[in-house]
Structure formats: C-alpha cells, structure tokens
Amino acid sequence: MIFEQFNGLVSSIIKNSLYFVDYQKTKVQELGHSLKGNSKIFIVTEANWAVPVAWFGLYAPIYMIALGLSKVEVGLVTSLGIAVSAIATIMGATIADRLGYKKTVLLFDSLSWPVAMLIFAFAQNIWWFVAGVIVNNFCMIVSGAWACLFVEGIPKEKRSHVYALLQILLNGASLFVPVAGLLVDGFGLVLACRIMYLLSAVSMGTGIFYRSKYLKGAEVEKQINKNREKYNFNAEVKEFFKTFSLIKERKQLFWYCVVQILVSFAIVMWNTYYPIFLTDAKGIGLAASEIYIYPFLFSIVMISIILIFIPHVKGKNFKKYLVFATIFSVGSALLYVMAPAHKGSFIALAFIFNGISMAFFRPLSDAYSMNLITDSERSRLISVMTTIIILAMIPAAPIGGYLYSLNPRLTFITVALIFAVSILIMKLKFTEE
C-alpha cells in the first residue's frame, strides 16, 4: 500500500513537472508576442549587462573588503555612486532631448559600462573604486531615453508583459551566478573578480555594438525636435522645478514616487550588505564560494512567478499585487534577522520570499508608472522622478553601514520597517488603475 502510494506520488510529480515546463514555455511565447521594434532589440541584448551585473552584484562588496575597504567605506563608495547617478539623471533629459534618444543611449553606455569594468578589474584600493563608480554611474544619463525607446510602439495593455520579460532576463541572469562561484572557488576571490570584470567589459561592448546597428529613434522625438530651443541653463532649472511641481500636483504620481523612494532606500541597504552578512563571522559565516546558490534560487522563483502570474494581472489590480509583493519583502528581511549562524535554511527561505516579491513588484511598478505618464512628457518626468528617488537614496548605504557596525541584524530590521511603511502608503494612497 505504501509503495503504491509512493509510486502514485512520484508519477504525479513527474506529470505535473512536465506540465509546468510546457506551461512555462507557453507563457514565454505569450509574453514574447508583446515584443516588437526597440523592445525586442533591448531584450535580445539585455543578458550582456544582466549576467555581469548579477556577478558583481553579489561579489563586489566582498571584493572591496578583500582589497582593504572597511564596511563603512563600502557604504560610502556606494553612496558616492548614487550621488553621481543623481547628477547624471538631472543631465539626462536635456542631453537626450538634444542628442536624440538613440545617440544618448549608445554614447553614454559606451563610456560608462566597459570603461568602468576595466577600472574595477585593476582596482588596488578605495580610490580605484571611487573612480569606477563615478564613471559607471554616469550610465544614468540614459535612463529617460532608454525607457522611451523601450516602450516605443508598445500599447499600454502590453507594457506589463514587456516589463515582465525584461525582469525575466534581468533576474534570469542569476542562473549564471554559479559560474562566478566556480571562478571564486578555483582562483580565489580577488583574481576571480578581476576576471569577471574583464569578461563584463567584453560582453557589454558587444551588446552596445549590436544596439548601434538595430535600434530606431522614437517617434515622439520628432515633436520634441520641432519644439527644441537653444540651450538655456536657467530655463532648464525652471523646467526641472516645473516638472517637480507637476509631480506634486498629480497625487498618484507623487505617492508612487514616495513608495519608490522608500523601496529603493531599503533595497540599497539590503543589496549592499547582504553579501557581507552572508560571509561575515558576525552574520551567517558562509564561504564566499558557496553563496552563489541564493541568487540562483531567487532567480528560479522569480522567473516562475513572472511566467505564471504576471500575464494574468490586469491594470486595475496593480495596487493589490504591489501590496502583496511588499508583504513578502517584509518577511524576507525578518528572516535575515532571525537566521542562525552557519545555517543557510533561513536565508534560502528569505531569497524565495524576495523572489516572489520582486516578481510582482518590479514589472508591475514599472508598468504602473508608465501608465500614469503620457508619451510626450515621459522623458522629462522619468528624469525628474528618477533624480528625486536617487537623491533620497544617497544616505542609504552609509546608514546601512553604520547600523551594520552596531549590529549586522539592525540593517535588516530597518529594511523590514521601511517596507512596512511602504505597504501602509500603498494601501491608503494608491488607487486602482
């Protein structure tokens, strides 16, 4: 009897697994039908950035510590990068309006990504990282232009699908993090990271070359070009504050910005210090070559959730799912707080929770914001909103570092509290789209 039940259970698992694989394939095809034009070009080449970012997103903080930086200095370097991002974003709308979206993306991606990777590859001390993050974060100049090109020609009802595919690629890149773990295990942390950065420079350069051949300018640029006037710094400052006032007046946009500030603040603290926490003797105390399994697990969970659920989410349900997603972020942060040393089970569950959370939050929050903005105002509004969010994020990493120096778990308690406040705001202030 027991044997027959076991046999039936195994058969059921195999049958359901085959169905799940076929279902996933079908959903990828459905999402893929939403792609056309520029969005297809960006999606095809996104892995050239996503895989390297997944590698050094995990190992960069540990690499910095291995080269002699303190935990607080890691936070300060991160904060400097965010400050440069703010400056770059302020410049972004003006540069994009005058150079054109395609030229802006290609020029500043070329300067900020491969060059920064080479600086990090040969880093010797904190000043190399200072130079690297300055160069790298000028990539934010392209944020508004990139978003405009990406959604060019995509109907509103399909944008959540397109952003879902983008998130699949961005987070699917974590499936390649075991390669980084093998490099660390085989060559040691420092040499392995240098190899990763060199490979990243080549990968990103290849992606830029492909985009230069196939990207098309956005239609909305034609109207912007007609209305373009000679550059005037005072006029640009006035335009910035005019746009800022517009965001304050449009309540849904304003509260969206507030939530993005809080969530981004928490994520900066989390992403800067979780790799350190996993390898620190005062934290979990795992080997650096072992921690790749957690982003890998996160990626599998997130991709599965995106494929199963996101295609069925309607615009009117965005608020409900954004709240639902953030609840899982609170749970994930609290699991870090409760996790015992040298035990990975709590951390594994935390990454599963975070994968569920980000699967909903990232594509739906992006689509939610795009649906609040018209095509003609998109570049300017995105630039100003991104600037505001980035400026608010500047103190996140140093605060996280200070809390970490007091008690590593304090960082994640703070993260949980910030997510909880975000939930409250979404419940009270967001309306269904």
Protein backbone atom coordinates (compact mmCIF):
# COMPACT_ATOMS: atom_id res chain seq x y z
CA MET A 1 0.00 0.00 0.00
CA ILE A 2 2.74 2.45 0.98
CA PHE A 3 4.75 1.50 -2.10
CA GLU A 4 1.72 2.09 -4.37
CA GLN A 5 1.07 5.48 -2.77
CA PHE A 6 4.72 6.43 -3.20
CA ASN A 7 4.58 5.29 -6.83
CA GLY A 8 1.47 7.39 -7.40
CA LEU A 9 3.10 10.42 -5.77
CA VAL A 10 6.20 10.12 -7.97
CA SER A 11 4.07 9.73 -11.11
CA SER A 12 2.03 12.79 -10.12
CA ILE A 13 5.18 14.87 -9.55
CA ILE A 14 6.63 13.85 -12.93
CA LYS A 15 3.33 14.57 -14.71
CA ASN A 16 2.93 17.96 -13.04
CA SER A 17 6.58 18.85 -13.67
CA LEU A 18 6.21 18.14 -17.39
CA TYR A 19 3.04 20.21 -17.45
CA PHE A 20 4.83 23.02 -15.60
CA VAL A 21 7.71 23.06 -18.11
CA ASP A 22 5.25 23.14 -21.03
CA TYR A 23 3.23 25.85 -19.28
CA GLN A 24 6.34 27.96 -18.74
CA LYS A 25 7.27 27.63 -22.42
CA THR A 26 3.76 28.69 -23.45
CA LYS A 27 3.85 31.74 -21.18
CA VAL A 28 7.24 32.83 -22.53
CA GLN A 29 5.79 32.63 -26.03
CA GLU A 30 2.74 34.67 -24.96
CA LEU A 31 4.91 37.34 -23.38
CA GLY A 32 7.20 37.32 -26.40
CA HIS A 33 4.33 38.23 -28.71
CA SER A 34 4.22 41.62 -26.96
CA LEU A 35 7.73 42.40 -28.23
CA LYS A 36 8.44 44.44 -31.32
CA GLY A 37 10.87 47.05 -32.54
CA ASN A 38 13.22 48.51 -29.96
CA SER A 39 11.90 46.42 -27.07
CA LYS A 40 12.99 43.29 -28.94
CA ILE A 41 16.49 44.72 -29.51
CA PHE A 42 16.88 45.63 -25.83
CA ILE A 43 15.59 42.24 -24.67
CA VAL A 44 17.90 40.33 -27.04
CA THR A 45 20.97 42.17 -25.72
CA GLU A 46 19.99 42.59 -22.06
CA ALA A 47 21.91 39.49 -20.98
CA ASN A 48 25.15 41.25 -21.99
CA TRP A 49 24.57 43.52 -18.99
CA ALA A 50 22.40 41.37 -16.74
CA VAL A 51 24.84 38.48 -16.27
CA PRO A 52 27.81 40.72 -15.32
CA VAL A 53 25.59 42.78 -13.01
CA ALA A 54 24.42 39.57 -11.32
CA TRP A 55 28.05 38.52 -10.82
CA PHE A 56 29.40 41.69 -9.28
CA GLY A 57 26.11 42.49 -7.57
CA LEU A 58 26.90 39.52 -5.36
CA TYR A 59 30.69 39.70 -5.14
CA ALA A 60 31.56 43.43 -5.46
CA PRO A 61 31.06 44.30 -1.75
CA ILE A 62 33.16 41.31 -0.67
CA TYR A 63 35.77 42.16 -3.34
CA MET A 64 36.05 45.69 -1.91
CA ILE A 65 36.54 44.36 1.62
CA ALA A 66 39.16 41.88 0.34
CA LEU A 67 41.09 44.84 -1.11
CA GLY A 68 41.13 46.62 2.25
CA LEU A 69 37.95 48.71 2.42
CA SER A 70 36.02 48.80 5.69
CA LYS A 71 32.30 48.04 5.81
CA VAL A 72 31.53 51.73 6.28
CA GLU A 73 33.79 52.62 3.31
CA VAL A 74 31.84 50.16 1.17
CA GLY A 75 28.73 52.13 2.07
CA LEU A 76 30.39 55.45 1.29
CA VAL A 77 31.54 54.24 -2.15
CA THR A 78 28.00 53.03 -2.85
CA SER A 79 26.63 56.39 -1.70
CA LEU A 80 29.03 58.27 -3.98
CA GLY A 81 27.79 56.21 -6.91
CA ILE A 82 24.20 57.12 -6.08
CA ALA A 83 25.10 60.83 -5.84
CA VAL A 84 26.73 60.69 -9.28
CA SER A 85 23.62 58.94 -10.56
CA ALA A 86 21.53 61.87 -9.37
CA ILE A 87 23.70 64.37 -11.24
CA ALA A 88 23.67 62.17 -14.35
CA THR A 89 19.89 61.82 -14.25
CA ILE A 90 19.43 65.59 -14.00
CA MET A 91 21.58 65.94 -17.11
CA GLY A 92 19.82 63.06 -18.84
CA ALA A 93 16.62 64.68 -20.10
CA THR A 94 18.44 67.70 -21.57
CA ILE A 95 21.10 65.58 -23.24
CA ALA A 96 18.51 63.12 -24.60
CA ASP A 97 16.32 65.92 -25.97
CA ARG A 98 19.31 67.44 -27.80
CA LEU A 99 21.32 64.43 -28.93
CA GLY A 100 18.33 62.18 -29.54
CA TYR A 101 17.42 59.09 -27.56
CA LYS A 102 19.41 56.56 -29.57
CA LYS A 103 22.65 58.60 -29.63
CA THR A 104 22.34 59.27 -25.90
CA VAL A 105 21.93 55.58 -25.05
CA LEU A 106 24.80 54.43 -27.26
CA LEU A 107 27.27 57.18 -26.33
CA PHE A 108 26.90 57.10 -22.57
CA ASP A 109 26.51 53.32 -22.32
CA SER A 110 29.82 53.05 -24.21
CA LEU A 111 31.56 55.46 -21.82
CA SER A 112 30.10 54.28 -18.55
CA TRP A 113 29.98 50.49 -18.72
CA PRO A 114 33.05 48.93 -20.42
CA VAL A 115 35.41 51.64 -19.10
CA ALA A 116 34.15 51.24 -15.52
CA MET A 117 34.52 47.45 -15.73
CA LEU A 118 38.17 47.85 -16.68
CA ILE A 119 38.80 50.22 -13.76
CA PHE A 120 37.25 47.72 -11.32
CA ALA A 121 39.21 44.86 -12.87
CA PHE A 122 42.55 46.50 -12.00
CA ALA A 123 41.46 48.10 -8.70
CA GLN A 124 44.05 48.27 -5.90
CA ASN A 125 42.43 50.45 -3.22
CA ILE A 126 39.45 52.67 -2.43
CA TRP A 127 40.43 55.34 -4.96
CA TRP A 128 40.08 52.91 -7.85
CA PHE A 129 36.56 52.14 -6.68
CA VAL A 130 35.81 55.86 -6.34
CA ALA A 131 36.89 56.40 -9.96
CA GLY A 132 34.99 53.31 -11.11
CA VAL A 133 31.67 54.23 -9.51
CA ILE A 134 31.89 57.81 -10.84
CA VAL A 135 32.37 56.56 -14.41
CA ASN A 136 29.86 53.73 -14.07
CA ASN A 137 27.01 55.78 -12.62
CA PHE A 138 27.05 58.25 -15.47
CA CYS A 139 25.10 55.47 -17.18
CA MET A 140 22.05 57.06 -15.53
CA ILE A 141 22.17 59.79 -18.16
CA VAL A 142 20.43 57.31 -20.45
CA SER A 143 17.59 56.33 -18.07
CA GLY A 144 14.86 58.50 -19.60
CA ALA A 145 15.98 57.91 -23.19
CA TRP A 146 16.24 54.15 -22.57
CA ALA A 147 12.69 54.00 -21.16
CA CYS A 148 11.28 55.99 -24.08
CA LEU A 149 12.96 53.78 -26.65
CA PHE A 150 11.99 50.60 -24.79
CA VAL A 151 8.22 51.26 -24.76
CA GLU A 152 8.14 52.82 -28.24
CA GLY A 153 5.10 51.43 -30.06
CA ILE A 154 4.00 49.15 -27.19
CA PRO A 155 0.29 49.54 -26.24
CA LYS A 156 -0.46 50.27 -22.57
CA GLU A 157 -2.15 46.92 -22.04
CA LYS A 158 1.00 45.08 -23.21
CA ARG A 159 3.57 47.04 -21.22
CA SER A 160 3.35 44.87 -18.11
CA HIS A 161 4.13 41.88 -20.37
CA VAL A 162 7.17 43.59 -21.89
CA TYR A 163 8.48 44.65 -18.48
CA ALA A 164 7.83 41.11 -17.22
CA LEU A 165 10.07 39.74 -19.96
CA LEU A 166 12.72 42.31 -19.08
CA GLN A 167 12.60 41.20 -15.44
CA ILE A 168 12.88 37.55 -16.50
CA LEU A 169 16.13 38.39 -18.28
CA LEU A 170 17.47 40.67 -15.53
CA ASN A 171 16.86 38.11 -12.83
CA GLY A 172 17.37 35.06 -15.00
CA ALA A 173 20.95 36.25 -15.18
CA SER A 174 21.33 34.97 -11.62
CA LEU A 175 21.13 31.46 -13.08
CA PHE A 176 24.70 32.16 -14.24
CA VAL A 177 25.93 33.21 -10.79
CA PRO A 178 27.20 29.63 -10.15
CA VAL A 179 29.82 30.40 -12.83
CA ALA A 180 31.06 33.22 -10.59
CA GLY A 181 31.05 30.83 -7.63
CA LEU A 182 33.19 28.35 -9.57
CA LEU A 183 35.63 31.14 -10.51
CA VAL A 184 35.92 32.19 -6.85
CA ASP A 185 36.42 28.59 -5.78
CA GLY A 186 39.06 27.99 -8.46
CA PHE A 187 41.01 31.27 -8.50
CA GLY A 188 40.28 32.88 -5.14
CA LEU A 189 38.03 35.88 -4.57
CA VAL A 190 40.24 38.73 -5.84
CA LEU A 191 41.55 37.13 -9.04
CA ALA A 192 38.11 35.70 -9.85
CA CYS A 193 36.52 39.15 -9.53
CA ARG A 194 39.15 40.67 -11.82
CA ILE A 195 38.34 38.00 -14.42
CA MET A 196 34.60 38.71 -14.05
CA TYR A 197 35.08 42.43 -14.64
CA LEU A 198 37.20 41.82 -17.75
CA LEU A 199 34.59 39.46 -19.18
CA SER A 200 31.94 42.07 -18.37
CA ALA A 201 33.74 44.75 -20.38
CA VAL A 202 33.81 42.48 -23.45
CA SER A 203 30.18 41.43 -23.01
CA MET A 204 28.86 44.99 -22.69
CA GLY A 205 30.91 46.23 -25.61
CA THR A 206 29.39 43.51 -27.80
CA GLY A 207 25.87 44.49 -26.70
CA ILE A 208 26.49 48.17 -27.49
CA PHE A 209 27.71 47.28 -30.98
CA TYR A 210 24.55 45.25 -31.69
CA ARG A 211 22.26 48.01 -30.42
CA SER A 212 24.06 50.59 -32.55
CA LYS A 213 23.08 48.63 -35.66
CA TYR A 214 19.42 47.92 -34.95
CA LEU A 215 17.90 50.48 -32.54
CA LYS A 216 15.47 53.03 -34.03
CA GLY A 217 14.73 56.53 -32.74
CA ALA A 218 11.38 57.17 -31.02
CA GLU A 219 8.50 58.84 -32.89
CA VAL A 220 7.89 61.24 -30.02
CA GLU A 221 11.36 62.73 -30.68
CA LYS A 222 10.07 64.35 -33.87
CA GLN A 223 7.66 66.54 -31.94
CA ILE A 224 10.31 67.30 -29.30
CA ASN A 225 12.76 68.30 -32.07
CA LYS A 226 10.20 70.72 -33.50
CA ASN A 227 9.84 72.42 -30.15
CA ARG A 228 13.54 72.42 -29.30
CA GLU A 229 15.07 75.76 -28.41
CA LYS A 230 18.62 76.90 -27.82
CA TYR A 231 20.01 75.55 -24.55
CA ASN A 232 19.47 77.82 -21.57
CA PHE A 233 20.63 76.67 -18.13
CA ASN A 234 18.17 78.90 -16.22
CA ALA A 235 15.34 77.66 -18.41
CA GLU A 236 16.36 74.06 -17.70
CA VAL A 237 16.34 74.68 -13.93
CA LYS A 238 12.89 76.25 -14.24
CA GLU A 239 11.72 73.28 -16.30
CA PHE A 240 13.01 70.90 -13.64
CA PHE A 241 11.07 72.62 -10.87
CA LYS A 242 8.03 72.98 -13.10
CA THR A 243 8.07 69.21 -13.65
CA PHE A 244 8.63 68.65 -9.93
CA SER A 245 5.55 70.78 -9.19
CA LEU A 246 3.60 68.74 -11.72
CA ILE A 247 4.51 65.54 -9.87
CA LYS A 248 3.33 67.06 -6.57
CA GLU A 249 0.03 68.09 -8.13
CA ARG A 250 -0.67 64.66 -9.61
CA LYS A 251 -1.29 62.72 -6.44
CA GLN A 252 -0.93 59.22 -7.87
CA LEU A 253 2.44 60.14 -9.36
CA PHE A 254 3.51 61.80 -6.12
CA TRP A 255 2.68 58.80 -3.92
CA TYR A 256 4.25 56.47 -6.47
CA CYS A 257 7.49 58.48 -6.08
CA VAL A 258 7.26 58.28 -2.27
CA VAL A 259 6.90 54.48 -2.37
CA GLN A 260 9.75 54.18 -4.89
CA ILE A 261 11.98 56.27 -2.62
CA LEU A 262 11.25 54.04 0.38
CA VAL A 263 11.61 50.78 -1.53
CA SER A 264 14.80 51.93 -3.29
CA PHE A 265 16.27 53.12 0.02
CA ALA A 266 15.62 49.71 1.58
CA ILE A 267 16.98 47.82 -1.44
CA VAL A 268 20.24 49.80 -1.44
CA MET A 269 20.80 48.93 2.22
CA TRP A 270 19.87 45.30 1.58
CA ASN A 271 21.89 44.73 -1.60
CA THR A 272 25.00 46.47 -0.25
CA TYR A 273 25.21 44.43 2.94
CA TYR A 274 23.59 41.06 2.37
CA PRO A 275 26.68 39.53 0.64
CA ILE A 276 28.82 40.80 3.53
CA PHE A 277 26.29 39.46 6.05
CA LEU A 278 26.34 36.02 4.44
CA THR A 279 30.14 35.75 4.64
CA ASP A 280 30.76 37.68 7.88
CA ALA A 281 31.51 35.66 11.01
CA LYS A 282 29.17 38.04 12.87
CA GLY A 283 26.44 37.24 10.35
CA ILE A 284 25.90 33.81 8.80
CA GLY A 285 29.59 32.98 8.28
CA LEU A 286 29.43 31.12 4.94
CA ALA A 287 32.30 30.71 2.47
CA ALA A 288 32.36 33.22 -0.41
CA SER A 289 32.36 30.40 -2.97
CA GLU A 290 29.11 28.98 -1.51
CA ILE A 291 26.78 31.99 -1.53
CA TYR A 292 26.00 31.88 -5.27
CA ILE A 293 23.23 29.36 -4.59
CA TYR A 294 20.96 32.01 -3.05
CA PRO A 295 20.71 34.40 -6.06
CA PHE A 296 20.32 31.26 -8.19
CA LEU A 297 17.34 30.20 -6.09
CA PHE A 298 15.92 33.74 -6.18
CA SER A 299 16.12 33.75 -9.96
CA ILE A 300 14.28 30.45 -10.41
CA VAL A 301 11.47 31.55 -8.09
CA MET A 302 11.13 34.99 -9.65
CA ILE A 303 11.07 33.76 -13.25
CA SER A 304 8.50 31.08 -12.41
CA ILE A 305 6.21 33.58 -10.69
CA ILE A 306 6.50 36.07 -13.56
CA LEU A 307 5.64 33.43 -16.14
CA ILE A 308 2.69 32.01 -14.21
CA PHE A 309 1.02 35.12 -12.81
CA ILE A 310 2.10 38.38 -14.48
CA PRO A 311 0.36 37.73 -17.85
CA HIS A 312 -2.94 37.48 -15.95
CA VAL A 313 -2.55 40.71 -13.96
CA LYS A 314 -4.82 43.48 -15.17
CA GLY A 315 -4.09 47.19 -14.70
CA LYS A 316 -6.96 47.56 -12.22
CA ASN A 317 -5.27 45.03 -9.92
CA PHE A 318 -1.85 46.69 -9.75
CA LYS A 319 -2.38 48.11 -6.26
CA LYS A 320 -3.41 44.77 -4.77
CA TYR A 321 -0.40 42.94 -6.20
CA LEU A 322 2.09 45.66 -5.27
CA VAL A 323 0.93 45.47 -1.63
CA PHE A 324 1.04 41.67 -1.75
CA ALA A 325 4.59 41.76 -3.12
CA THR A 326 5.88 44.14 -0.46
CA ILE A 327 4.48 41.97 2.35
CA PHE A 328 6.85 39.23 1.15
CA SER A 329 9.74 41.71 1.25
CA VAL A 330 9.00 42.39 4.92
CA GLY A 331 9.00 38.65 5.62
CA SER A 332 12.26 38.17 3.72
CA ALA A 333 14.05 40.90 5.70
CA LEU A 334 12.81 39.47 9.01
CA LEU A 335 14.18 36.04 8.08
CA TYR A 336 17.64 37.64 7.88
CA VAL A 337 17.10 38.98 11.39
CA MET A 338 16.15 35.54 12.73
CA ALA A 339 18.69 33.48 10.76
CA PRO A 340 21.14 31.48 12.95
CA ALA A 341 24.87 31.48 12.18
CA HIS A 342 26.25 28.82 9.82
CA LYS A 343 22.73 27.75 8.80
CA GLY A 344 21.51 28.52 5.30
CA SER A 345 17.87 27.41 5.57
CA PHE A 346 16.51 30.77 6.79
CA ILE A 347 18.46 32.61 4.10
CA ALA A 348 17.17 30.24 1.41
CA LEU A 349 13.59 30.92 2.51
CA ALA A 350 14.35 34.66 2.58
CA PHE A 351 15.51 34.53 -1.06
CA ILE A 352 12.36 32.59 -2.03
CA PHE A 353 10.20 35.27 -0.37
CA ASN A 354 12.21 38.02 -2.07
CA GLY A 355 11.88 36.28 -5.44
CA ILE A 356 8.09 36.23 -5.06
CA SER A 357 8.10 39.88 -4.02
CA MET A 358 10.27 41.19 -6.84
CA ALA A 359 8.46 39.07 -9.46
CA PHE A 360 5.36 41.15 -8.81
CA PHE A 361 6.81 44.48 -7.68
CA ARG A 362 9.36 45.24 -10.38
CA PRO A 363 7.40 44.74 -13.62
CA LEU A 364 4.09 45.95 -12.19
CA SER A 365 5.51 49.10 -10.58
CA ASP A 366 7.28 49.96 -13.86
CA ALA A 367 4.11 49.41 -15.87
CA TYR A 368 2.06 51.31 -13.27
CA SER A 369 4.29 54.38 -13.60
CA MET A 370 4.33 54.24 -17.42
CA ASN A 371 0.51 54.24 -17.43
CA LEU A 372 0.45 57.44 -15.35
CA ILE A 373 2.52 59.37 -17.90
CA THR A 374 1.79 60.44 -21.49
CA ASP A 375 4.26 59.79 -24.31
CA SER A 376 5.24 63.44 -24.80
CA GLU A 377 6.07 64.05 -21.13
CA ARG A 378 7.67 60.66 -20.43
CA SER A 379 11.36 61.55 -20.83
CA ARG A 380 11.19 64.70 -18.68
CA LEU A 381 9.02 63.17 -15.94
CA ILE A 382 11.07 59.99 -15.73
CA SER A 383 14.26 62.04 -15.49
CA VAL A 384 12.92 64.23 -12.67
CA MET A 385 11.34 61.33 -10.78
CA THR A 386 14.49 59.27 -11.05
CA THR A 387 16.56 62.23 -9.82
CA ILE A 388 14.34 62.69 -6.78
CA ILE A 389 14.44 58.98 -5.96
CA ILE A 390 18.22 58.78 -6.37
CA LEU A 391 18.86 61.87 -4.24
CA ALA A 392 16.80 60.33 -1.45
CA MET A 393 18.81 57.10 -1.73
CA ILE A 394 22.23 58.73 -1.18
CA PRO A 395 22.37 58.21 2.62
CA ALA A 396 21.02 54.62 2.45
CA ALA A 397 24.33 52.74 2.20
CA PRO A 398 26.22 54.78 4.87
CA ILE A 399 23.25 54.42 7.23
CA GLY A 400 23.20 50.71 6.50
CA GLY A 401 26.94 50.53 7.17
CA TYR A 402 26.61 52.39 10.46
CA LEU A 403 23.79 50.10 11.59
CA TYR A 404 25.80 47.08 10.46
CA SER A 405 28.77 48.21 12.55
CA LEU A 406 26.47 48.36 15.61
CA ASN A 407 24.83 45.03 14.92
CA PRO A 408 24.62 43.35 11.49
CA ARG A 409 20.96 42.43 12.02
CA LEU A 410 19.96 46.04 12.68
CA THR A 411 20.36 46.75 8.96
CA PHE A 412 17.68 44.19 8.09
CA ILE A 413 15.33 45.26 10.90
CA THR A 414 15.42 48.76 9.38
CA VAL A 415 14.78 47.34 5.91
CA ALA A 416 11.69 45.49 7.18
CA LEU A 417 10.33 48.65 8.82
CA ILE A 418 10.79 50.69 5.62
CA PHE A 419 8.92 48.09 3.57
CA ALA A 420 6.12 48.10 6.17
CA VAL A 421 5.71 51.87 5.82
CA SER A 422 5.56 51.42 2.02
CA ILE A 423 2.70 48.96 2.41
CA LEU A 424 0.77 51.42 4.54
CA ILE A 425 1.16 54.20 1.96
CA MET A 426 0.09 51.96 -0.93
CA LYS A 427 -2.98 50.80 0.99
CA LEU A 428 -4.05 54.35 1.85
CA LYS A 429 -2.93 56.40 -1.16
CA PHE A 430 -2.79 54.24 -4.29
CA THR A 431 -5.91 53.83 -6.43
CA GLU A 432 -6.60 51.01 -8.84
CA GLU A 433 -5.62 51.83 -12.41
